PDB file of N, CA and C in Angstrom:
ATOM      1  N   MET A   1      94.874-124.345  66.100  1.00  0.00           N
ATOM      2  CA  MET A   1      93.788-124.764  65.263  1.00  0.00           C
ATOM      3  C   MET A   1      94.353-125.580  64.099  1.00  0.00           C
ATOM      4  N   LYS A   2      93.772-126.720  63.834  1.00  0.00           N
ATOM      5  CA  LYS A   2      94.219-127.609  62.764  1.00  0.00           C
ATOM      6  C   LYS A   2      93.360-127.371  61.522  1.00  0.00           C
ATOM      7  N   VAL A   3      93.999-126.946  60.428  1.00  0.00           N
ATOM      8  CA  VAL A   3      93.305-126.658  59.177  1.00  0.00           C
ATOM      9  C   VAL A   3      94.040-127.371  58.044  1.00  0.00           C
ATOM     10  N   LYS A   4      93.294-127.955  57.118  1.00  0.00           N
ATOM     11  CA  LYS A   4      93.913-128.641  55.991  1.00  0.00           C
ATOM     12  C   LYS A   4      94.763-127.659  55.195  1.00  0.00           C
ATOM     13  N   ALA A   5      96.006-128.049  54.948  1.00  0.00           N
ATOM     14  CA  ALA A   5      96.969-127.176  54.279  1.00  0.00           C
ATOM     15  C   ALA A   5      96.789-127.200  52.765  1.00  0.00           C
ATOM     16  N   ARG A   6      97.483-126.296  52.112  1.00  0.00           N
ATOM     17  CA  ARG A   6      97.558-126.242  50.658  1.00  0.00           C
ATOM     18  C   ARG A   6      98.969-126.614  50.238  1.00  0.00           C
ATOM     19  N   LEU A   7      99.179-126.765  48.955  1.00  0.00           N
ATOM     20  CA  LEU A   7     100.503-126.998  48.361  1.00  0.00           C
ATOM     21  C   LEU A   7     101.151-128.299  48.834  1.00  0.00           C
ATOM     22  N   TRP A   8     100.460-129.408  48.650  1.00  0.00           N
ATOM     23  CA  TRP A   8     101.028-130.709  48.982  1.00  0.00           C
ATOM     24  C   TRP A   8     100.438-131.766  48.062  1.00  0.00           C
ATOM     25  N   ASP A   9     101.116-132.926  47.980  1.00  0.00           N
ATOM     26  CA  ASP A   9     100.667-134.044  47.154  1.00  0.00           C
ATOM     27  C   ASP A   9     100.636-135.319  47.975  1.00  0.00           C
ATOM     28  N   ASN A  10      99.687-136.200  47.641  1.00  0.00           N
ATOM     29  CA  ASN A  10      99.626-137.521  48.264  1.00  0.00           C
ATOM     30  C   ASN A  10     100.707-138.415  47.663  1.00  0.00           C
ATOM     31  N   LEU A  11     101.304-139.248  48.492  1.00  0.00           N
ATOM     32  CA  LEU A  11     102.248-140.265  48.045  1.00  0.00           C
ATOM     33  C   LEU A  11     101.756-141.623  48.536  1.00  0.00           C
ATOM     34  N   ASP A  12     102.469-142.678  48.207  1.00  0.00           N
ATOM     35  CA  ASP A  12     102.099-144.025  48.646  1.00  0.00           C
ATOM     36  C   ASP A  12     102.197-144.170  50.160  1.00  0.00           C
ATOM     37  N   ASN A  13     101.463-145.136  50.709  1.00  0.00           N
ATOM     38  CA  ASN A  13     101.511-145.497  52.138  1.00  0.00           C
ATOM     39  C   ASN A  13     101.199-144.333  53.074  1.00  0.00           C
ATOM     40  N   ASN A  14     100.236-143.499  52.715  1.00  0.00           N
ATOM     41  CA  ASN A  14      99.820-142.346  53.526  1.00  0.00           C
ATOM     42  C   ASN A  14     100.912-141.303  53.734  1.00  0.00           C
ATOM     43  N   LYS A  15     101.960-141.335  52.943  1.00  0.00           N
ATOM     44  CA  LYS A  15     102.966-140.276  52.980  1.00  0.00           C
ATOM     45  C   LYS A  15     102.423-139.091  52.184  1.00  0.00           C
ATOM     46  N   ALA A  16     102.948-137.909  52.465  1.00  0.00           N
ATOM     47  CA  ALA A  16     102.558-136.713  51.723  1.00  0.00           C
ATOM     48  C   ALA A  16     103.780-135.824  51.544  1.00  0.00           C
ATOM     49  N   GLN A  17     103.847-135.140  50.409  1.00  0.00           N
ATOM     50  CA  GLN A  17     104.961-134.237  50.149  1.00  0.00           C
ATOM     51  C   GLN A  17     104.469-132.805  50.176  1.00  0.00           C
ATOM     52  N   CYS A  18     105.112-132.004  51.003  1.00  0.00           N
ATOM     53  CA  CYS A  18     104.777-130.589  51.155  1.00  0.00           C
ATOM     54  C   CYS A  18     105.572-129.772  50.134  1.00  0.00           C
ATOM     55  N   HIS A  19     104.934-128.766  49.547  1.00  0.00           N
ATOM     56  CA  HIS A  19     105.589-127.910  48.551  1.00  0.00           C
ATOM     57  C   HIS A  19     105.613-126.443  48.984  1.00  0.00           C
ATOM     58  N   VAL A  20     105.498-126.164  50.266  1.00  0.00           N
ATOM     59  CA  VAL A  20     105.467-124.778  50.738  1.00  0.00           C
ATOM     60  C   VAL A  20     106.835-124.118  50.619  1.00  0.00           C
ATOM     61  N   CYS A  21     107.900-124.837  50.946  1.00  0.00           N
ATOM     62  CA  CYS A  21     109.241-124.247  50.885  1.00  0.00           C
ATOM     63  C   CYS A  21     110.162-125.119  50.032  1.00  0.00           C
ATOM     64  N   ALA A  22     111.406-124.735  49.932  1.00  0.00           N
ATOM     65  CA  ALA A  22     112.382-125.444  49.102  1.00  0.00           C
ATOM     66  C   ALA A  22     112.786-126.800  49.673  1.00  0.00           C
ATOM     67  N   ASN A  23     112.467-127.087  50.929  1.00  0.00           N
ATOM     68  CA  ASN A  23     112.824-128.385  51.507  1.00  0.00           C
ATOM     69  C   ASN A  23     112.026-129.528  50.898  1.00  0.00           C
ATOM     70  N   GLU A  24     110.802-129.247  50.403  1.00  0.00           N
ATOM     71  CA  GLU A  24     109.961-130.267  49.771  1.00  0.00           C
ATOM     72  C   GLU A  24     109.873-131.526  50.642  1.00  0.00           C
ATOM     73  N   CYS A  25     109.535-131.358  51.898  1.00  0.00           N
ATOM     74  CA  CYS A  25     109.497-132.463  52.864  1.00  0.00           C
ATOM     75  C   CYS A  25     108.552-133.578  52.433  1.00  0.00           C
ATOM     76  N   ILE A  26     108.991-134.809  52.619  1.00  0.00           N
ATOM     77  CA  ILE A  26     108.110-135.965  52.520  1.00  0.00           C
ATOM     78  C   ILE A  26     107.784-136.333  53.958  1.00  0.00           C
ATOM     79  N   ILE A  27     106.528-136.152  54.330  1.00  0.00           N
ATOM     80  CA  ILE A  27     106.118-136.282  55.726  1.00  0.00           C
ATOM     81  C   ILE A  27     105.379-137.599  55.922  1.00  0.00           C
ATOM     82  N   LEU A  28     105.883-138.400  56.845  1.00  0.00           N
ATOM     83  CA  LEU A  28     105.264-139.678  57.176  1.00  0.00           C
ATOM     84  C   LEU A  28     104.022-139.452  58.031  1.00  0.00           C
ATOM     85  N   PRO A  29     103.096-140.408  58.056  1.00  0.00           N
ATOM     86  CA  PRO A  29     101.890-140.262  58.878  1.00  0.00           C
ATOM     87  C   PRO A  29     102.222-140.012  60.352  1.00  0.00           C
ATOM     88  N   GLY A  30     101.595-139.011  60.935  1.00  0.00           N
ATOM     89  CA  GLY A  30     101.808-138.677  62.340  1.00  0.00           C
ATOM     90  C   GLY A  30     103.037-137.834  62.609  1.00  0.00           C
ATOM     91  N   LYS A  31     103.791-137.494  61.577  1.00  0.00           N
ATOM     92  CA  LYS A  31     105.023-136.714  61.740  1.00  0.00           C
ATOM     93  C   LYS A  31     104.832-135.300  61.201  1.00  0.00           C
ATOM     94  N   VAL A  32     105.795-134.420  61.536  1.00  0.00           N
ATOM     95  CA  VAL A  32     105.782-133.037  61.056  1.00  0.00           C
ATOM     96  C   VAL A  32     106.959-132.810  60.115  1.00  0.00           C
ATOM     97  N   GLY A  33     106.874-131.742  59.316  1.00  0.00           N
ATOM     98  CA  GLY A  33     107.962-131.376  58.416  1.00  0.00           C
ATOM     99  C   GLY A  33     109.071-130.644  59.154  1.00  0.00           C
ATOM    100  N   ILE A  34     110.098-130.263  58.414  1.00  0.00           N
ATOM    101  CA  ILE A  34     111.237-129.550  59.001  1.00  0.00           C
ATOM    102  C   ILE A  34     110.781-128.274  59.708  1.00  0.00           C
ATOM    103  N   CYS A  35     109.793-127.601  59.154  1.00  0.00           N
ATOM    104  CA  CYS A  35     109.305-126.337  59.713  1.00  0.00           C
ATOM    105  C   CYS A  35     108.505-126.531  61.004  1.00  0.00           C
ATOM    106  N   ARG A  36     108.066-127.752  61.263  1.00  0.00           N
ATOM    107  CA  ARG A  36     107.259-128.097  62.433  1.00  0.00           C
ATOM    108  C   ARG A  36     105.902-127.391  62.445  1.00  0.00           C
ATOM    109  N   THR A  37     105.466-126.912  61.283  1.00  0.00           N
ATOM    110  CA  THR A  37     104.160-126.256  61.200  1.00  0.00           C
ATOM    111  C   THR A  37     103.171-127.048  60.360  1.00  0.00           C
ATOM    112  N   ARG A  38     103.638-128.094  59.691  1.00  0.00           N
ATOM    113  CA  ARG A  38     102.788-128.947  58.869  1.00  0.00           C
ATOM    114  C   ARG A  38     102.879-130.375  59.389  1.00  0.00           C
ATOM    115  N   LYS A  39     101.722-131.042  59.519  1.00  0.00           N
ATOM    116  CA  LYS A  39     101.696-132.403  60.045  1.00  0.00           C
ATOM    117  C   LYS A  39     100.835-133.287  59.155  1.00  0.00           C
ATOM    118  N   ASN A  40     101.274-134.529  58.994  1.00  0.00           N
ATOM    119  CA  ASN A  40     100.554-135.510  58.193  1.00  0.00           C
ATOM    120  C   ASN A  40      99.587-136.274  59.088  1.00  0.00           C
ATOM    121  N   PHE A  41      98.295-136.142  58.807  1.00  0.00           N
ATOM    122  CA  PHE A  41      97.256-136.904  59.494  1.00  0.00           C
ATOM    123  C   PHE A  41      96.637-137.850  58.473  1.00  0.00           C
ATOM    124  N   ASP A  42      97.003-139.127  58.537  1.00  0.00           N
ATOM    125  CA  ASP A  42      96.449-140.157  57.642  1.00  0.00           C
ATOM    126  C   ASP A  42      96.551-139.791  56.165  1.00  0.00           C
ATOM    127  N   GLY A  43      97.715-139.303  55.754  1.00  0.00           N
ATOM    128  CA  GLY A  43      97.952-139.022  54.343  1.00  0.00           C
ATOM    129  C   GLY A  43      97.555-137.638  53.879  1.00  0.00           C
ATOM    130  N   GLU A  44      97.059-136.803  54.772  1.00  0.00           N
ATOM    131  CA  GLU A  44      96.707-135.425  54.428  1.00  0.00           C
ATOM    132  C   GLU A  44      97.494-134.472  55.320  1.00  0.00           C
ATOM    133  N   ILE A  45      98.013-133.406  54.736  1.00  0.00           N
ATOM    134  CA  ILE A  45      98.802-132.440  55.505  1.00  0.00           C
ATOM    135  C   ILE A  45      97.899-131.333  56.029  1.00  0.00           C
ATOM    136  N   PHE A  46      98.063-131.058  57.311  1.00  0.00           N
ATOM    137  CA  PHE A  46      97.330-129.986  57.979  1.00  0.00           C
ATOM    138  C   PHE A  46      98.328-128.985  58.539  1.00  0.00           C
ATOM    139  N   THR A  47      97.940-127.716  58.560  1.00  0.00           N
ATOM    140  CA  THR A  47      98.762-126.692  59.183  1.00  0.00           C
ATOM    141  C   THR A  47      98.416-126.624  60.667  1.00  0.00           C
ATOM    142  N   LEU A  48      99.426-126.501  61.491  1.00  0.00           N
ATOM    143  CA  LEU A  48      99.235-126.466  62.942  1.00  0.00           C
ATOM    144  C   LEU A  48      99.224-125.045  63.489  1.00  0.00           C
ATOM    145  N   ILE A  49      99.475-124.057  62.633  1.00  0.00           N
ATOM    146  CA  ILE A  49      99.611-122.674  63.107  1.00  0.00           C
ATOM    147  C   ILE A  49      98.580-121.732  62.513  1.00  0.00           C
ATOM    148  N   TYR A  50      97.575-122.251  61.843  1.00  0.00           N
ATOM    149  CA  TYR A  50      96.576-121.391  61.209  1.00  0.00           C
ATOM    150  C   TYR A  50      95.912-120.491  62.251  1.00  0.00           C
ATOM    151  N   GLY A  51      95.904-119.195  61.990  1.00  0.00           N
ATOM    152  CA  GLY A  51      95.266-118.242  62.886  1.00  0.00           C
ATOM    153  C   GLY A  51      96.143-117.756  64.020  1.00  0.00           C
ATOM    154  N   SER A  52      97.359-118.278  64.135  1.00  0.00           N
ATOM    155  CA  SER A  52      98.247-117.813  65.206  1.00  0.00           C
ATOM    156  C   SER A  52      99.180-116.735  64.654  1.00  0.00           C
ATOM    157  N   HIS A  53      99.778-115.982  65.543  1.00  0.00           N
ATOM    158  CA  HIS A  53     100.701-114.930  65.135  1.00  0.00           C
ATOM    159  C   HIS A  53     102.016-115.559  64.717  1.00  0.00           C
ATOM    160  N   ILE A  54     102.500-115.196  63.553  1.00  0.00           N
ATOM    161  CA  ILE A  54     103.738-115.753  63.024  1.00  0.00           C
ATOM    162  C   ILE A  54     104.935-114.907  63.446  1.00  0.00           C
ATOM    163  N   SER A  55     104.859-113.616  63.222  1.00  0.00           N
ATOM    164  CA  SER A  55     105.987-112.731  63.456  1.00  0.00           C
ATOM    165  C   SER A  55     105.768-111.901  64.713  1.00  0.00           C
ATOM    166  N   THR A  56     106.820-111.762  65.481  1.00  0.00           N
ATOM    167  CA  THR A  56     106.759-110.906  66.664  1.00  0.00           C
ATOM    168  C   THR A  56     107.847-109.844  66.566  1.00  0.00           C
ATOM    169  N   GLY A  57     108.043-109.336  65.365  1.00  0.00           N
ATOM    170  CA  GLY A  57     109.094-108.360  65.122  1.00  0.00           C
ATOM    171  C   GLY A  57     108.885-107.068  65.882  1.00  0.00           C
ATOM    172  N   SER A  58     109.917-106.276  65.913  1.00  0.00           N
ATOM    173  CA  SER A  58     109.889-104.999  66.604  1.00  0.00           C
ATOM    174  C   SER A  58     109.025-103.995  65.845  1.00  0.00           C
ATOM    175  N   LEU A  59     108.363-103.133  66.580  1.00  0.00           N
ATOM    176  CA  LEU A  59     107.534-102.112  65.960  1.00  0.00           C
ATOM    177  C   LEU A  59     108.291-100.822  65.695  1.00  0.00           C
ATOM    178  N   ASP A  60     109.546-100.742  66.145  1.00  0.00           N
ATOM    179  CA  ASP A  60     110.351 -99.552  65.906  1.00  0.00           C
ATOM    180  C   ASP A  60     110.805 -99.519  64.448  1.00  0.00           C
ATOM    181  N   PRO A  61     110.736 -98.364  63.800  1.00  0.00           N
ATOM    182  CA  PRO A  61     111.231 -98.286  62.426  1.00  0.00           C
ATOM    183  C   PRO A  61     112.743 -98.446  62.395  1.00  0.00           C
ATOM    184  N   ILE A  62     113.255 -98.976  61.317  1.00  0.00           N
ATOM    185  CA  ILE A  62     114.692 -99.225  61.211  1.00  0.00           C
ATOM    186  C   ILE A  62     115.492 -97.923  61.239  1.00  0.00           C
ATOM    187  N   GLU A  63     114.867 -96.821  60.856  1.00  0.00           N
ATOM    188  CA  GLU A  63     115.569 -95.545  60.849  1.00  0.00           C
ATOM    189  C   GLU A  63     116.003 -95.116  62.253  1.00  0.00           C
ATOM    190  N   LYS A  64     115.370 -95.632  63.294  1.00  0.00           N
ATOM    191  CA  LYS A  64     115.737 -95.269  64.660  1.00  0.00           C
ATOM    192  C   LYS A  64     116.981 -96.005  65.132  1.00  0.00           C
ATOM    193  N   ASN A  65     117.301 -97.128  64.502  1.00  0.00           N
ATOM    194  CA  ASN A  65     118.445 -97.930  64.926  1.00  0.00           C
ATOM    195  C   ASN A  65     119.740 -97.288  64.444  1.00  0.00           C
ATOM    196  N   HIS A  66     120.770 -97.357  65.273  1.00  0.00           N
ATOM    197  CA  HIS A  66     122.079 -96.816  64.927  1.00  0.00           C
ATOM    198  C   HIS A  66     122.970 -97.965  64.475  1.00  0.00           C
ATOM    199  N   SER A  67     123.809 -97.702  63.499  1.00  0.00           N
ATOM    200  CA  SER A  67     124.742 -98.729  63.044  1.00  0.00           C
ATOM    201  C   SER A  67     126.139 -98.135  62.972  1.00  0.00           C
ATOM    202  N   ILE A  68     127.122 -99.004  63.189  1.00  0.00           N
ATOM    203  CA  ILE A  68     128.515 -98.575  63.133  1.00  0.00           C
ATOM    204  C   ILE A  68     129.144 -99.215  61.904  1.00  0.00           C
ATOM    205  N   ILE A  69     129.623 -98.378  60.984  1.00  0.00           N
ATOM    206  CA  ILE A  69     130.261 -98.854  59.769  1.00  0.00           C
ATOM    207  C   ILE A  69     131.641 -98.224  59.699  1.00  0.00           C
ATOM    208  N   SER A  70     132.677 -99.052  59.635  1.00  0.00           N
ATOM    209  CA  SER A  70     134.067 -98.588  59.534  1.00  0.00           C
ATOM    210  C   SER A  70     134.444 -97.634  60.654  1.00  0.00           C
ATOM    211  N   GLY A  71     134.002 -97.905  61.873  1.00  0.00           N
ATOM    212  CA  GLY A  71     134.374 -97.102  63.014  1.00  0.00           C
ATOM    213  C   GLY A  71     133.596 -95.811  63.170  1.00  0.00           C
ATOM    214  N   GLN A  72     132.701 -95.499  62.253  1.00  0.00           N
ATOM    215  CA  GLN A  72     131.888 -94.295  62.352  1.00  0.00           C
ATOM    216  C   GLN A  72     130.470 -94.679  62.747  1.00  0.00           C
ATOM    217  N   CYS A  73     129.855 -93.845  63.530  1.00  0.00           N
ATOM    218  CA  CYS A  73     128.479 -94.096  63.949  1.00  0.00           C
ATOM    219  C   CYS A  73     127.532 -93.354  63.020  1.00  0.00           C
ATOM    220  N   HIS A  74     126.611 -94.096  62.433  1.00  0.00           N
ATOM    221  CA  HIS A  74     125.618 -93.501  61.541  1.00  0.00           C
ATOM    222  C   HIS A  74     124.258 -93.593  62.200  1.00  0.00           C
ATOM    223  N   SER A  75     123.517 -92.516  62.151  1.00  0.00           N
ATOM    224  CA  SER A  75     122.169 -92.550  62.730  1.00  0.00           C
ATOM    225  C   SER A  75     121.163 -91.949  61.779  1.00  0.00           C
TER     226      SER A  75
END
């Protein structure tokens, strides 16, 4: 779903600068930023991932995972 993004500024020649992360991408018309989730459509930035699942992390609590520190197993 394409939704108009927040945190960006218009620049000359239909360029736009995204301010979501520290990269501060200047995105040319028809191109995407480094994150590949923001795209410039005629000088306006839209998010390409609105409403989709971002994280697919594990549902197991970290306390269940075992770690080895200095040759000893901790659980």
